[in-house]
Amino acid sequence: MMELKDLVGVHILTGVDTRNIPIEDGDSSKYFGVENSATINFVLDDTMYTVIEDPEDGYRSSMKEIIVSTGTIDNSFQPVAVFAVMRFSNYRNSCEILDIYDLKSGKLILSAGTDRSDDYYPTFVYGWTPENMWINKDKE
């Protein structure tokens, strides 16, 4: 089983998109049916990864899993050198979040994982900020 920490290091990023996908998940499915789950897809070193949300009970959410996926990505761009790190976590700010930074700009461009700083209400974190990529520095 793959983990976010497996992606720590320097990579080439060539695509990112977000989608909602229907999932059927264990016990909640028999009460609520199929739910929509948020995902973020990204291509590192020519491999597409998908981080999938577990929507849990509507108030809580977390990362269900990260998988190597196939298919196409909606938003491709020229190669960007990036470095991926796990976000600092301690007893006050418990999390399992992969942060990906643009190597040239030094800015955060993608995050994915689970924020557990409030154990009762964990939160799925996913998002990207394309304006922080050096290739977009002159675009409005």
N, C-alpha and C. Protein backbone atom coordinates (compact mmCIF):
# COMPACT_ATOMS: atom_id res chain seq x y z
N MET A 1 0.83 -1.18 0.00
CA MET A 1 0.00 0.00 0.00
C MET A 1 0.88 1.25 0.00
N MET A 2 0.56 2.17 -0.87
CA MET A 2 1.35 3.38 -1.01
C MET A 2 1.00 4.40 0.07
N GLU A 3 2.00 5.20 0.47
CA GLU A 3 1.80 6.26 1.44
C GLU A 3 2.32 7.57 0.87
N LEU A 4 1.82 8.69 1.38
CA LEU A 4 2.27 9.99 0.91
C LEU A 4 3.78 10.16 1.06
N LYS A 5 4.32 9.68 2.17
CA LYS A 5 5.75 9.85 2.43
C LYS A 5 6.62 9.17 1.37
N ASP A 6 6.04 8.24 0.61
CA ASP A 6 6.80 7.60 -0.47
C ASP A 6 7.17 8.58 -1.57
N LEU A 7 6.50 9.73 -1.63
CA LEU A 7 6.75 10.71 -2.68
C LEU A 7 7.69 11.84 -2.25
N VAL A 8 8.20 11.79 -1.04
CA VAL A 8 9.13 12.82 -0.58
C VAL A 8 10.37 12.80 -1.46
N GLY A 9 10.81 14.00 -1.89
CA GLY A 9 12.00 14.12 -2.71
C GLY A 9 11.78 15.07 -3.88
N VAL A 10 12.73 15.09 -4.79
CA VAL A 10 12.70 15.96 -5.96
C VAL A 10 12.07 15.21 -7.13
N HIS A 11 11.17 15.89 -7.84
CA HIS A 11 10.44 15.28 -8.96
C HIS A 11 10.21 16.30 -10.06
N ILE A 12 9.62 15.83 -11.16
CA ILE A 12 9.14 16.69 -12.24
C ILE A 12 7.62 16.58 -12.27
N LEU A 13 6.95 17.72 -12.13
CA LEU A 13 5.49 17.78 -12.14
C LEU A 13 5.03 18.26 -13.52
N THR A 14 4.08 17.53 -14.13
CA THR A 14 3.61 17.89 -15.47
C THR A 14 2.10 17.98 -15.59
N GLY A 15 1.35 17.81 -14.51
CA GLY A 15 -0.10 17.93 -14.60
C GLY A 15 -0.76 17.81 -13.25
N VAL A 16 -1.89 18.53 -13.10
CA VAL A 16 -2.68 18.48 -11.88
C VAL A 16 -4.14 18.72 -12.25
N ASP A 17 -5.05 17.99 -11.64
CA ASP A 17 -6.47 18.32 -11.73
C ASP A 17 -7.18 17.81 -10.48
N THR A 18 -8.38 18.31 -10.27
CA THR A 18 -9.22 17.85 -9.17
C THR A 18 -10.54 17.37 -9.75
N ARG A 19 -11.12 16.38 -9.11
CA ARG A 19 -12.39 15.81 -9.56
C ARG A 19 -13.17 15.32 -8.35
N ASN A 20 -14.46 15.15 -8.56
CA ASN A 20 -15.30 14.43 -7.61
C ASN A 20 -15.66 13.11 -8.25
N ILE A 21 -15.51 12.04 -7.49
CA ILE A 21 -15.84 10.71 -8.02
C ILE A 21 -16.82 10.03 -7.07
N PRO A 22 -17.72 9.21 -7.59
CA PRO A 22 -18.62 8.48 -6.71
C PRO A 22 -17.88 7.31 -6.06
N ILE A 23 -18.09 7.14 -4.76
CA ILE A 23 -17.50 5.98 -4.07
C ILE A 23 -18.58 5.31 -3.24
N GLU A 24 -18.42 4.04 -3.07
CA GLU A 24 -19.27 3.28 -2.16
C GLU A 24 -18.34 2.74 -1.11
N ASP A 25 -18.57 3.11 0.13
CA ASP A 25 -17.59 2.80 1.15
C ASP A 25 -18.21 2.19 2.40
N GLY A 26 -18.08 0.91 2.52
CA GLY A 26 -18.41 0.19 3.75
C GLY A 26 -19.74 0.51 4.36
N ASP A 27 -19.74 0.71 5.69
CA ASP A 27 -20.97 0.90 6.46
C ASP A 27 -21.76 2.12 6.05
N SER A 28 -21.07 3.23 5.73
CA SER A 28 -21.82 4.45 5.41
C SER A 28 -22.67 4.26 4.16
N SER A 29 -22.26 3.38 3.25
CA SER A 29 -23.00 3.17 2.01
C SER A 29 -24.38 2.60 2.26
N LYS A 30 -24.52 1.73 3.27
CA LYS A 30 -25.84 1.14 3.49
C LYS A 30 -26.82 2.14 4.09
N TYR A 31 -26.29 3.24 4.68
CA TYR A 31 -27.16 4.28 5.22
C TYR A 31 -27.34 5.45 4.26
N PHE A 32 -26.26 5.82 3.59
CA PHE A 32 -26.29 7.02 2.77
C PHE A 32 -26.17 6.74 1.28
N GLY A 33 -25.95 5.50 0.88
CA GLY A 33 -25.75 5.18 -0.53
C GLY A 33 -24.37 5.59 -1.00
N VAL A 34 -24.25 5.80 -2.28
CA VAL A 34 -22.97 6.20 -2.86
C VAL A 34 -22.76 7.69 -2.63
N GLU A 35 -21.57 8.06 -2.20
CA GLU A 35 -21.24 9.46 -1.96
C GLU A 35 -20.23 9.94 -2.98
N ASN A 36 -20.18 11.26 -3.16
CA ASN A 36 -19.13 11.84 -3.96
C ASN A 36 -17.91 12.06 -3.10
N SER A 37 -16.76 11.79 -3.66
CA SER A 37 -15.51 11.92 -2.95
C SER A 37 -14.59 12.83 -3.76
N ALA A 38 -13.97 13.79 -3.09
CA ALA A 38 -13.02 14.68 -3.76
C ALA A 38 -11.72 13.94 -4.04
N THR A 39 -11.09 14.27 -5.15
CA THR A 39 -9.78 13.71 -5.47
C THR A 39 -8.89 14.80 -6.04
N ILE A 40 -7.60 14.60 -5.90
CA ILE A 40 -6.63 15.42 -6.61
C ILE A 40 -5.70 14.46 -7.33
N ASN A 41 -5.52 14.71 -8.62
CA ASN A 41 -4.62 13.90 -9.46
C ASN A 41 -3.41 14.76 -9.81
N PHE A 42 -2.25 14.14 -9.80
CA PHE A 42 -1.05 14.87 -10.22
C PHE A 42 -0.07 13.89 -10.85
N VAL A 43 0.71 14.42 -11.78
CA VAL A 43 1.68 13.60 -12.51
C VAL A 43 3.08 13.99 -12.07
N LEU A 44 3.77 13.06 -11.42
CA LEU A 44 5.16 13.23 -11.00
C LEU A 44 6.00 12.21 -11.75
N ASP A 45 7.03 12.68 -12.42
CA ASP A 45 7.96 11.77 -13.12
C ASP A 45 7.21 10.79 -14.02
N ASP A 46 6.23 11.30 -14.77
CA ASP A 46 5.45 10.53 -15.74
C ASP A 46 4.54 9.47 -15.11
N THR A 47 4.30 9.54 -13.82
CA THR A 47 3.37 8.63 -13.15
C THR A 47 2.24 9.46 -12.54
N MET A 48 0.99 9.04 -12.81
CA MET A 48 -0.15 9.76 -12.26
C MET A 48 -0.56 9.17 -10.91
N TYR A 49 -0.70 10.04 -9.93
CA TYR A 49 -1.13 9.66 -8.59
C TYR A 49 -2.48 10.30 -8.30
N THR A 50 -3.32 9.59 -7.58
CA THR A 50 -4.63 10.10 -7.18
C THR A 50 -4.76 9.98 -5.67
N VAL A 51 -5.03 11.10 -5.02
CA VAL A 51 -5.30 11.13 -3.59
C VAL A 51 -6.82 11.24 -3.44
N ILE A 52 -7.41 10.30 -2.71
CA ILE A 52 -8.86 10.16 -2.63
C ILE A 52 -9.34 10.46 -1.22
N GLU A 53 -10.41 11.24 -1.13
CA GLU A 53 -11.03 11.59 0.14
C GLU A 53 -11.94 10.47 0.65
N ASP A 54 -11.95 10.28 1.95
CA ASP A 54 -12.97 9.46 2.63
C ASP A 54 -13.90 10.46 3.30
N PRO A 55 -15.11 10.67 2.77
CA PRO A 55 -15.99 11.70 3.31
C PRO A 55 -16.57 11.37 4.69
N GLU A 56 -16.35 10.18 5.18
CA GLU A 56 -16.80 9.73 6.50
C GLU A 56 -18.26 10.06 6.76
N ASP A 57 -18.57 11.05 7.61
CA ASP A 57 -19.97 11.25 8.01
C ASP A 57 -20.54 12.62 7.64
N GLY A 58 -19.89 13.34 6.75
CA GLY A 58 -20.39 14.66 6.36
C GLY A 58 -19.78 15.80 7.16
N TYR A 59 -19.37 15.53 8.40
CA TYR A 59 -18.69 16.54 9.22
C TYR A 59 -17.19 16.29 9.24
N ARG A 60 -16.84 15.02 9.16
CA ARG A 60 -15.44 14.63 9.20
C ARG A 60 -15.05 14.10 7.83
N SER A 61 -13.79 14.29 7.50
CA SER A 61 -13.27 13.69 6.27
C SER A 61 -11.78 13.45 6.48
N SER A 62 -11.21 12.63 5.65
CA SER A 62 -9.78 12.35 5.74
C SER A 62 -9.33 11.77 4.40
N MET A 63 -8.04 11.58 4.28
CA MET A 63 -7.54 10.93 3.08
C MET A 63 -7.84 9.44 3.19
N LYS A 64 -8.52 8.91 2.19
CA LYS A 64 -8.80 7.47 2.17
C LYS A 64 -7.56 6.71 1.74
N GLU A 65 -6.96 7.17 0.61
CA GLU A 65 -5.77 6.48 0.09
C GLU A 65 -5.13 7.30 -1.01
N ILE A 66 -3.91 6.94 -1.33
CA ILE A 66 -3.23 7.45 -2.51
C ILE A 66 -2.92 6.24 -3.38
N ILE A 67 -3.20 6.38 -4.67
CA ILE A 67 -2.98 5.27 -5.59
C ILE A 67 -2.25 5.76 -6.84
N VAL A 68 -1.58 4.84 -7.49
CA VAL A 68 -1.07 5.08 -8.83
C VAL A 68 -2.25 4.82 -9.75
N SER A 69 -2.56 5.79 -10.60
CA SER A 69 -3.76 5.68 -11.42
C SER A 69 -3.42 5.78 -12.90
N THR A 70 -4.41 5.45 -13.70
CA THR A 70 -4.24 5.53 -15.15
C THR A 70 -5.30 6.48 -15.69
N GLY A 71 -5.19 6.79 -16.95
CA GLY A 71 -6.15 7.70 -17.56
C GLY A 71 -5.46 8.99 -17.95
N THR A 72 -6.29 9.99 -18.19
CA THR A 72 -5.75 11.27 -18.62
C THR A 72 -5.94 12.30 -17.52
N ILE A 73 -5.14 13.33 -17.61
CA ILE A 73 -5.24 14.43 -16.66
C ILE A 73 -5.76 15.64 -17.43
N ASP A 74 -6.65 16.41 -16.82
CA ASP A 74 -7.30 17.53 -17.51
C ASP A 74 -6.39 18.74 -17.72
N ASN A 75 -5.38 18.90 -16.88
CA ASN A 75 -4.54 20.09 -16.93
C ASN A 75 -3.07 19.70 -16.97
N SER A 76 -2.52 19.66 -18.17
CA SER A 76 -1.09 19.36 -18.34
C SER A 76 -0.34 20.65 -18.64
N PHE A 77 0.94 20.68 -18.30
CA PHE A 77 1.75 21.87 -18.54
C PHE A 77 3.21 21.45 -18.69
N GLN A 78 4.04 22.42 -19.08
CA GLN A 78 5.46 22.10 -19.27
C GLN A 78 6.06 21.63 -17.95
N PRO A 79 7.09 20.81 -18.00
CA PRO A 79 7.67 20.24 -16.79
C PRO A 79 8.15 21.31 -15.79
N VAL A 80 7.83 21.08 -14.53
CA VAL A 80 8.24 21.96 -13.44
C VAL A 80 8.97 21.10 -12.40
N ALA A 81 10.19 21.49 -12.07
CA ALA A 81 10.95 20.79 -11.03
C ALA A 81 10.35 21.16 -9.68
N VAL A 82 10.05 20.13 -8.87
CA VAL A 82 9.42 20.34 -7.57
C VAL A 82 10.13 19.50 -6.51
N PHE A 83 9.91 19.89 -5.25
CA PHE A 83 10.34 19.03 -4.15
C PHE A 83 9.17 18.81 -3.22
N ALA A 84 9.01 17.58 -2.78
CA ALA A 84 7.89 17.18 -1.94
C ALA A 84 8.39 16.86 -0.53
N VAL A 85 7.67 17.37 0.46
CA VAL A 85 8.01 17.14 1.87
C VAL A 85 6.74 16.83 2.64
N MET A 86 6.87 16.13 3.73
CA MET A 86 5.75 15.92 4.64
C MET A 86 5.67 17.14 5.57
N ARG A 87 4.47 17.66 5.75
CA ARG A 87 4.27 18.82 6.62
C ARG A 87 4.61 18.46 8.06
N PHE A 88 5.21 19.40 8.77
CA PHE A 88 5.58 19.19 10.17
C PHE A 88 4.35 18.84 10.99
N SER A 89 4.48 17.86 11.83
CA SER A 89 3.38 17.40 12.67
C SER A 89 3.88 17.23 14.10
N ASN A 90 3.10 17.73 15.06
CA ASN A 90 3.42 17.51 16.46
C ASN A 90 2.12 17.34 17.24
N TYR A 91 2.19 17.30 18.55
CA TYR A 91 0.99 17.02 19.34
C TYR A 91 -0.08 18.10 19.21
N ARG A 92 0.28 19.33 18.84
CA ARG A 92 -0.70 20.40 18.67
C ARG A 92 -1.22 20.49 17.24
N ASN A 93 -0.42 20.06 16.30
CA ASN A 93 -0.80 20.15 14.90
C ASN A 93 -0.53 18.81 14.24
N SER A 94 -1.39 17.86 14.50
CA SER A 94 -1.21 16.52 13.97
C SER A 94 -1.75 16.46 12.54
N CYS A 95 -0.91 16.01 11.63
CA CYS A 95 -1.35 15.93 10.25
C CYS A 95 -0.51 14.91 9.48
N GLU A 96 -1.04 14.52 8.36
CA GLU A 96 -0.32 13.70 7.39
C GLU A 96 -0.59 14.34 6.03
N ILE A 97 0.22 15.35 5.71
CA ILE A 97 0.01 16.15 4.51
C ILE A 97 1.30 16.23 3.73
N LEU A 98 1.20 15.94 2.44
CA LEU A 98 2.33 16.09 1.52
C LEU A 98 2.23 17.47 0.91
N ASP A 99 3.29 18.27 1.05
CA ASP A 99 3.37 19.59 0.44
C ASP A 99 4.39 19.53 -0.69
N ILE A 100 4.00 20.06 -1.85
CA ILE A 100 4.89 20.07 -3.01
C ILE A 100 5.20 21.52 -3.37
N TYR A 101 6.49 21.84 -3.43
CA TYR A 101 6.96 23.19 -3.70
C TYR A 101 7.64 23.26 -5.07
N ASP A 102 7.48 24.39 -5.74
CA ASP A 102 8.19 24.66 -6.98
C ASP A 102 9.65 24.92 -6.63
N LEU A 103 10.56 24.20 -7.25
CA LEU A 103 11.98 24.31 -6.94
C LEU A 103 12.53 25.69 -7.30
N LYS A 104 12.03 26.29 -8.39
CA LYS A 104 12.53 27.59 -8.83
C LYS A 104 11.95 28.74 -8.02
N SER A 105 10.64 28.74 -7.80
CA SER A 105 10.02 29.86 -7.08
C SER A 105 10.10 29.67 -5.57
N GLY A 106 10.23 28.42 -5.12
CA GLY A 106 10.26 28.14 -3.69
C GLY A 106 8.89 28.19 -3.05
N LYS A 107 7.84 28.36 -3.85
CA LYS A 107 6.48 28.51 -3.32
C LYS A 107 5.72 27.19 -3.32
N LEU A 108 4.80 27.08 -2.37
CA LEU A 108 3.93 25.91 -2.26
C LEU A 108 2.95 25.89 -3.42
N ILE A 109 2.87 24.75 -4.12
CA ILE A 109 1.95 24.67 -5.25
C ILE A 109 0.89 23.57 -5.10
N LEU A 110 1.13 22.58 -4.24
CA LEU A 110 0.16 21.49 -4.10
C LEU A 110 0.25 20.91 -2.70
N SER A 111 -0.91 20.58 -2.12
CA SER A 111 -0.97 19.91 -0.82
C SER A 111 -2.05 18.84 -0.88
N ALA A 112 -1.81 17.73 -0.19
CA ALA A 112 -2.80 16.66 -0.13
C ALA A 112 -2.57 15.82 1.12
N GLY A 113 -3.67 15.42 1.78
CA GLY A 113 -3.56 14.56 2.94
C GLY A 113 -4.65 14.82 3.95
N THR A 114 -4.35 14.60 5.24
CA THR A 114 -5.32 14.76 6.32
C THR A 114 -4.76 15.66 7.41
N ASP A 115 -5.56 16.65 7.79
CA ASP A 115 -5.23 17.51 8.93
C ASP A 115 -6.00 16.95 10.13
N ARG A 116 -5.25 16.54 11.16
CA ARG A 116 -5.88 15.97 12.36
C ARG A 116 -5.66 16.86 13.57
N SER A 117 -5.50 18.17 13.36
CA SER A 117 -5.24 19.05 14.49
C SER A 117 -6.43 19.09 15.45
N ASP A 118 -7.62 18.77 14.95
CA ASP A 118 -8.79 18.57 15.81
C ASP A 118 -9.20 17.11 15.61
N ASP A 119 -8.81 16.24 16.54
CA ASP A 119 -9.05 14.80 16.40
C ASP A 119 -10.53 14.46 16.17
N TYR A 120 -11.42 15.27 16.72
CA TYR A 120 -12.83 14.98 16.57
C TYR A 120 -13.33 15.29 15.16
N TYR A 121 -12.71 16.29 14.52
CA TYR A 121 -13.09 16.68 13.16
C TYR A 121 -11.87 16.72 12.24
N PRO A 122 -11.34 15.56 11.87
CA PRO A 122 -10.24 15.58 10.89
C PRO A 122 -10.75 16.15 9.56
N THR A 123 -9.83 16.68 8.76
CA THR A 123 -10.21 17.33 7.52
C THR A 123 -9.32 16.86 6.38
N PHE A 124 -9.96 16.50 5.26
CA PHE A 124 -9.22 16.17 4.04
C PHE A 124 -8.68 17.46 3.46
N VAL A 125 -7.39 17.46 3.16
CA VAL A 125 -6.72 18.62 2.58
C VAL A 125 -6.33 18.27 1.16
N TYR A 126 -6.73 19.10 0.22
CA TYR A 126 -6.28 18.94 -1.15
C TYR A 126 -6.43 20.28 -1.85
N GLY A 127 -5.47 20.57 -2.66
CA GLY A 127 -5.57 21.82 -3.40
C GLY A 127 -4.24 22.15 -4.06
N TRP A 128 -4.35 23.04 -5.01
CA TRP A 128 -3.14 23.47 -5.64
C TRP A 128 -3.26 24.93 -6.04
N THR A 129 -2.11 25.58 -6.12
CA THR A 129 -2.02 27.00 -6.40
C THR A 129 -1.12 27.19 -7.61
N PRO A 130 -1.69 27.10 -8.82
CA PRO A 130 -0.86 27.17 -10.02
C PRO A 130 -0.15 28.50 -10.19
N GLU A 131 -0.69 29.58 -9.62
CA GLU A 131 -0.03 30.88 -9.75
C GLU A 131 1.31 30.91 -9.03
N ASN A 132 1.59 29.95 -8.14
CA ASN A 132 2.89 29.89 -7.47
C ASN A 132 3.97 29.18 -8.27
N MET A 133 3.60 28.60 -9.43
CA MET A 133 4.60 27.95 -10.27
C MET A 133 5.37 29.02 -11.05
N TRP A 134 6.68 28.84 -11.18
CA TRP A 134 7.49 29.82 -11.89
C TRP A 134 7.05 30.02 -13.33
N ILE A 135 6.47 28.99 -13.95
CA ILE A 135 6.04 29.11 -15.34
C ILE A 135 4.85 30.06 -15.48
N ASN A 136 4.20 30.40 -14.38
CA ASN A 136 3.05 31.31 -14.41
C ASN A 136 3.37 32.69 -13.84
N LYS A 137 4.64 32.98 -13.60
CA LYS A 137 5.00 34.22 -12.92
C LYS A 137 4.59 35.47 -13.68
N ASP A 138 4.50 35.40 -15.00
CA ASP A 138 4.14 36.57 -15.80
C ASP A 138 2.68 36.58 -16.21
N LYS A 139 1.91 35.62 -15.76
CA LYS A 139 0.49 35.54 -16.11
C LYS A 139 -0.35 36.16 -15.02
N GLU A 140 -1.46 36.73 -15.40
CA GLU A 140 -2.35 37.33 -14.41
C GLU A 140 -3.38 36.33 -13.95
